[in-house]
């Protein structure tokens, strides 16, 4: 058994405390700001003790933003719904296309397979601003500009390469002999894929789906350029809080709290799968 001295335990605890404070402080501070008015937030020096208010959350839910210049209409809840719809649908389409493709790349080696896989991965690293102009012109000609279908399509540049490479690593980790033994019993290739490969790669598929959901949820540039206000997600909708009378810090903080809640809940629920997906599939891929 490893023995540690008292001084070592104290230093370790102090280091862990500093790390937790460093990473959690912005989240805790934003959470506190979401219950304060703009006047309280901008007070110098900042105050840790204040009278909490739910006015910021009420403004977001009712769509009425109170500013010094008057009342403004905002569509935060619609933006939040757009984020949920775009992220869930984009990840579902990516899983439907990416998982069979990942299995094919893992099990069926052919000339040019690595080049094709690397080309698909390179879409993930392409600067968004570099592809926005041709995408905008292309979508306008096809009638996909300012449509949910167009946004879901362009979100495949974010989700599909990620799912493809993480899940491919998981399929490669599964011994091929298990599948061969199952096929000797007269089962088809599709039955082997559905009943053997998919269940064994389940944690990797879940991790890839969760990571793709987080990346899709946090996307900003594509929706800003390719969609109008009624179809934009919450990341773009937050710009409505920058008004002519100033920045509404309280409403922005409340919007951040509401917008990160779904992704934070998903990440906490499936953090074990996320770690396994990153440490196995991504590294191997």
Protein backbone atom coordinates (compact mmCIF):
# COMPACT_ATOMS: atom_id res chain seq x y z
CA UNK A 1 0.00 0.00 0.00
CA UNK A 2 1.29 3.43 -0.89
CA UNK A 3 1.89 5.69 2.10
CA UNK A 4 1.83 9.47 1.79
CA UNK A 5 2.98 11.96 4.38
CA UNK A 6 0.71 14.58 5.93
CA UNK A 7 2.52 17.37 4.10
CA UNK A 8 2.06 15.61 0.77
CA UNK A 9 -1.67 15.16 1.39
CA UNK A 10 -2.03 18.83 2.33
CA UNK A 11 -0.17 19.97 -0.80
CA UNK A 12 -2.21 17.64 -2.96
CA UNK A 13 -5.46 18.91 -1.48
CA UNK A 14 -4.37 22.53 -1.94
CA UNK A 15 -3.44 21.88 -5.58
CA UNK A 16 -6.78 20.18 -6.27
CA UNK A 17 -8.63 23.07 -4.60
CA UNK A 18 -6.80 25.62 -6.76
CA UNK A 19 -7.59 23.65 -9.94
CA UNK A 20 -11.29 23.38 -9.01
CA UNK A 21 -11.48 27.11 -8.21
CA UNK A 22 -9.70 28.01 -11.46
CA UNK A 23 -12.10 26.02 -13.65
CA UNK A 24 -15.32 26.52 -11.68
CA UNK A 25 -14.98 30.23 -10.88
CA UNK A 26 -16.27 31.51 -14.27
CA UNK A 27 -19.30 29.19 -14.11
CA UNK A 28 -20.12 30.11 -10.51
CA UNK A 29 -19.67 33.83 -11.23
CA UNK A 30 -21.95 33.68 -14.29
CA UNK A 31 -24.54 31.76 -12.26
CA UNK A 32 -24.46 34.51 -9.60
CA UNK A 33 -24.70 37.24 -12.26
CA UNK A 34 -27.83 35.62 -13.66
CA UNK A 35 -29.65 36.58 -10.41
CA UNK A 36 -28.48 40.19 -10.40
CA UNK A 37 -29.55 43.38 -12.14
CA UNK A 38 -27.21 45.27 -14.44
CA UNK A 39 -26.69 47.93 -11.76
CA UNK A 40 -25.59 45.34 -9.21
CA UNK A 41 -23.29 43.58 -11.68
CA UNK A 42 -21.51 46.79 -12.70
CA UNK A 43 -21.03 47.98 -9.13
CA UNK A 44 -17.40 48.53 -8.09
CA UNK A 45 -16.11 46.73 -6.11
CA UNK A 46 -18.14 43.60 -7.01
CA UNK A 47 -20.36 42.32 -4.21
CA UNK A 48 -20.74 38.70 -3.22
CA UNK A 49 -23.83 39.43 -1.13
CA UNK A 50 -26.77 40.84 -3.09
CA UNK A 51 -30.54 40.66 -3.33
CA UNK A 52 -31.31 37.94 -5.91
CA UNK A 53 -33.90 38.52 -8.62
CA UNK A 54 -35.56 36.28 -11.18
CA UNK A 55 -36.17 39.18 -13.57
CA UNK A 56 -33.50 37.98 -16.01
CA UNK A 57 -35.02 34.52 -16.35
CA UNK A 58 -38.52 36.02 -16.57
CA UNK A 59 -37.38 38.26 -19.43
CA UNK A 60 -35.98 35.27 -21.32
CA UNK A 61 -39.09 33.14 -20.87
CA UNK A 62 -41.60 35.89 -21.67
CA UNK A 63 -39.51 37.32 -24.53
CA UNK A 64 -39.66 40.86 -23.13
CA UNK A 65 -36.26 42.43 -22.53
CA UNK A 66 -36.38 45.50 -20.26
CA UNK A 67 -33.66 48.05 -21.06
CA UNK A 68 -33.04 51.71 -20.32
CA UNK A 69 -34.31 52.52 -23.83
CA UNK A 70 -37.57 50.58 -23.37
CA UNK A 71 -38.91 47.06 -23.88
CA UNK A 72 -37.45 44.89 -26.62
CA UNK A 73 -38.88 41.66 -28.03
CA UNK A 74 -36.48 38.71 -27.99
CA UNK A 75 -36.93 35.11 -29.14
CA UNK A 76 -34.59 33.30 -26.77
CA UNK A 77 -36.87 30.31 -26.14
CA UNK A 78 -37.27 29.84 -29.90
CA UNK A 79 -33.49 30.03 -30.27
CA UNK A 80 -33.20 27.40 -27.53
CA UNK A 81 -35.65 25.13 -29.35
CA UNK A 82 -33.71 25.66 -32.59
CA UNK A 83 -30.52 24.56 -30.84
CA UNK A 84 -32.16 21.39 -29.55
CA UNK A 85 -33.72 20.54 -32.92
CA UNK A 86 -30.61 21.29 -35.01
CA UNK A 87 -28.21 19.48 -32.67
CA UNK A 88 -30.32 16.36 -32.15
CA UNK A 89 -31.23 16.03 -35.85
CA UNK A 90 -27.68 16.68 -37.03
CA UNK A 91 -26.23 14.07 -34.68
CA UNK A 92 -28.93 11.54 -35.66
CA UNK A 93 -28.13 12.00 -39.36
CA UNK A 94 -24.39 11.77 -38.66
CA UNK A 95 -24.83 8.55 -36.67
CA UNK A 96 -26.99 7.06 -39.42
CA UNK A 97 -24.34 7.81 -42.05
CA UNK A 98 -21.15 7.72 -39.99
CA UNK A 99 -21.47 4.43 -38.08
CA UNK A 100 -21.81 2.16 -41.17
CA UNK A 101 -19.06 4.16 -42.88
CA UNK A 102 -16.80 3.76 -39.85
CA UNK A 103 -17.42 0.00 -39.85
CA UNK A 104 -16.58 -0.18 -43.56
CA UNK A 105 -13.32 1.73 -43.06
CA UNK A 106 -12.40 -0.50 -40.09
CA UNK A 107 -13.20 -3.89 -41.64
CA UNK A 108 -12.85 -3.51 -45.41
CA UNK A 109 -9.49 -2.15 -46.47
CA UNK A 110 -9.30 -1.13 -50.10
CA UNK A 111 -7.09 1.07 -52.21
CA UNK A 112 -7.57 4.69 -51.27
CA UNK A 113 -9.57 3.95 -48.11
CA UNK A 114 -7.12 5.82 -45.88
CA UNK A 115 -7.08 8.78 -48.27
CA UNK A 116 -10.87 8.95 -48.29
CA UNK A 117 -11.04 8.69 -44.49
CA UNK A 118 -8.42 11.41 -44.07
CA UNK A 119 -10.25 13.65 -46.55
CA UNK A 120 -13.44 13.29 -44.50
CA UNK A 121 -11.50 14.09 -41.34
CA UNK A 122 -9.97 17.18 -42.93
CA UNK A 123 -13.49 18.67 -43.20
CA UNK A 124 -13.41 18.96 -39.40
CA UNK A 125 -10.27 21.08 -39.50
CA UNK A 126 -11.30 23.33 -42.38
CA UNK A 127 -11.75 26.93 -41.16
CA UNK A 128 -15.45 27.72 -41.14
CA UNK A 129 -14.92 31.19 -42.61
CA UNK A 130 -13.05 29.61 -45.54
CA UNK A 131 -16.04 27.55 -46.68
CA UNK A 132 -18.81 29.98 -45.77
CA UNK A 133 -18.75 32.10 -48.94
CA UNK A 134 -18.99 29.19 -51.44
CA UNK A 135 -21.51 27.46 -49.18
CA UNK A 136 -23.68 30.59 -49.06
CA UNK A 137 -23.72 30.92 -52.87
CA UNK A 138 -24.31 27.18 -53.29
CA UNK A 139 -27.18 27.12 -50.80
CA UNK A 140 -28.84 30.16 -52.40
CA UNK A 141 -28.87 28.43 -55.78
CA UNK A 142 -30.29 25.22 -54.27
CA UNK A 143 -32.87 27.05 -52.16
CA UNK A 144 -31.32 25.75 -48.93
CA UNK A 145 -30.35 29.12 -47.47
CA UNK A 146 -32.27 29.96 -44.30
CA UNK A 147 -33.74 26.46 -43.97
CA UNK A 148 -33.41 23.81 -41.28
CA UNK A 149 -32.37 21.26 -43.90
CA UNK A 150 -29.52 23.50 -45.06
CA UNK A 151 -28.27 24.01 -41.50
CA UNK A 152 -28.48 20.28 -40.71
CA UNK A 153 -26.56 19.58 -43.90
CA UNK A 154 -23.77 22.04 -43.08
CA UNK A 155 -23.62 20.73 -39.50
CA UNK A 156 -22.47 17.43 -41.00
CA UNK A 157 -19.11 19.13 -41.52
CA UNK A 158 -18.86 19.24 -37.73
CA UNK A 159 -20.47 15.98 -36.63
CA UNK A 160 -19.77 13.42 -39.34
CA UNK A 161 -15.92 13.44 -39.29
CA UNK A 162 -15.90 13.26 -35.49
CA UNK A 163 -18.26 10.27 -35.36
CA UNK A 164 -16.51 8.55 -38.25
CA UNK A 165 -13.06 8.62 -36.66
CA UNK A 166 -14.01 7.84 -33.07
CA UNK A 167 -16.33 4.95 -33.98
CA UNK A 168 -13.84 3.60 -36.50
CA UNK A 169 -11.28 3.22 -33.70
CA UNK A 170 -13.81 1.28 -31.63
CA UNK A 171 -14.62 -1.10 -34.49
CA UNK A 172 -10.91 -1.72 -35.03
CA UNK A 173 -10.54 -2.64 -31.34
CA UNK A 174 -13.13 -5.43 -31.69
CA UNK A 175 -11.40 -8.72 -32.62
CA UNK A 176 -12.46 -9.71 -36.13
CA UNK A 177 -12.49 -13.40 -35.06
CA UNK A 178 -15.66 -12.80 -33.05
CA UNK A 179 -17.45 -11.66 -36.20
CA UNK A 180 -15.99 -14.50 -38.28
CA UNK A 181 -17.21 -17.05 -35.71
CA UNK A 182 -20.71 -15.58 -35.90
CA UNK A 183 -20.74 -15.61 -39.70
CA UNK A 184 -19.68 -19.29 -39.79
CA UNK A 185 -23.11 -20.01 -38.36
CA UNK A 186 -24.63 -18.84 -41.62
CA UNK A 187 -25.41 -15.28 -40.61
CA UNK A 188 -25.19 -12.48 -43.12
CA UNK A 189 -22.80 -9.55 -43.04
CA UNK A 190 -25.60 -7.17 -42.04
CA UNK A 191 -26.72 -9.45 -39.19
CA UNK A 192 -23.13 -9.58 -37.95
CA UNK A 193 -22.89 -5.81 -38.06
CA UNK A 194 -26.23 -5.35 -36.27
CA UNK A 195 -25.99 -8.07 -33.61
CA UNK A 196 -22.25 -8.25 -32.89
CA UNK A 197 -20.37 -5.11 -33.96
CA UNK A 198 -22.93 -2.48 -32.97
CA UNK A 199 -23.49 -3.72 -29.36
CA UNK A 200 -19.74 -4.11 -28.73
CA UNK A 201 -19.03 -0.61 -30.07
CA UNK A 202 -21.96 0.89 -28.15
CA UNK A 203 -19.87 2.94 -25.66
CA UNK A 204 -17.83 4.42 -28.50
CA UNK A 205 -20.93 5.30 -30.50
CA UNK A 206 -22.49 6.93 -27.44
CA UNK A 207 -19.32 8.93 -26.74
CA UNK A 208 -19.02 10.06 -30.35
CA UNK A 209 -22.68 11.08 -30.43
CA UNK A 210 -22.35 13.10 -27.23
CA UNK A 211 -19.21 14.88 -28.41
CA UNK A 212 -20.83 15.65 -31.76
CA UNK A 213 -23.89 17.02 -29.94
CA UNK A 214 -21.70 19.36 -27.87
CA UNK A 215 -19.83 20.61 -30.95
CA UNK A 216 -23.06 21.14 -32.88
CA UNK A 217 -24.67 22.92 -29.93
CA UNK A 218 -21.75 25.34 -29.58
CA UNK A 219 -21.53 26.22 -33.29
CA UNK A 220 -21.89 29.91 -33.99
CA UNK A 221 -20.56 30.93 -37.41
CA UNK A 222 -22.61 28.70 -39.74
CA UNK A 223 -25.97 29.66 -38.24
CA UNK A 224 -25.00 33.34 -38.07
CA UNK A 225 -24.43 33.54 -41.83
CA UNK A 226 -26.75 30.89 -43.28
CA UNK A 227 -29.93 31.47 -41.21
CA UNK A 228 -32.22 34.32 -40.25
CA UNK A 229 -33.30 35.14 -36.69
CA UNK A 230 -36.22 32.68 -36.59
CA UNK A 231 -33.97 29.70 -37.34
CA UNK A 232 -30.82 30.68 -35.47
CA UNK A 233 -29.67 28.69 -32.40
CA UNK A 234 -29.11 30.09 -28.94
CA UNK A 235 -25.42 30.83 -29.57
CA UNK A 236 -26.39 33.41 -32.19
CA UNK A 237 -29.55 34.54 -30.40
CA UNK A 238 -27.41 35.79 -27.49
CA UNK A 239 -26.38 38.72 -29.70
CA UNK A 240 -29.86 40.21 -29.06
CA UNK A 241 -28.69 41.17 -25.57
CA UNK A 242 -26.23 43.70 -27.00
CA UNK A 243 -28.62 46.63 -27.34
CA UNK A 244 -28.29 50.33 -28.15
CA UNK A 245 -28.60 51.13 -24.45
CA UNK A 246 -25.78 48.79 -23.46
CA UNK A 247 -24.98 45.16 -22.85
CA UNK A 248 -27.54 43.32 -20.72
CA UNK A 249 -25.12 41.30 -18.59
CA UNK A 250 -27.81 39.81 -16.35
CA UNK A 251 -29.86 38.46 -19.26
CA UNK A 252 -26.72 37.18 -20.99
CA UNK A 253 -25.73 35.29 -17.84
CA UNK A 254 -29.22 33.79 -17.48
CA UNK A 255 -29.12 32.81 -21.16
CA UNK A 256 -25.73 31.14 -20.68
CA UNK A 257 -27.02 29.17 -17.69
CA UNK A 258 -30.07 27.96 -19.62
CA UNK A 259 -28.09 27.18 -22.78
CA UNK A 260 -25.33 25.15 -21.12
CA UNK A 261 -27.72 23.14 -18.93
CA UNK A 262 -28.59 20.49 -21.58
CA UNK A 263 -24.98 19.89 -22.64
CA UNK A 264 -23.73 19.93 -19.04
CA UNK A 265 -26.40 17.41 -17.99
CA UNK A 266 -25.52 15.14 -20.92
CA UNK A 267 -21.78 15.40 -20.21
CA UNK A 268 -22.23 14.61 -16.50
CA UNK A 269 -24.59 11.71 -17.23
CA UNK A 270 -22.25 10.07 -19.75
CA UNK A 271 -18.81 11.28 -18.63
CA UNK A 272 -17.55 7.69 -18.40
CA UNK A 273 -18.40 7.08 -22.07
CA UNK A 274 -16.81 10.40 -23.04
CA UNK A 275 -13.51 9.47 -21.39
CA UNK A 276 -13.52 6.00 -22.96
CA UNK A 277 -14.34 7.43 -26.37
CA UNK A 278 -11.50 9.93 -26.23
CA UNK A 279 -8.92 7.56 -24.77
CA UNK A 280 -9.64 4.63 -27.11
CA UNK A 281 -11.38 5.57 -30.32
CA UNK A 282 -9.92 9.00 -30.97
CA UNK A 283 -6.35 8.10 -30.06
CA UNK A 284 -6.37 4.94 -32.08
CA UNK A 285 -8.12 6.61 -35.01
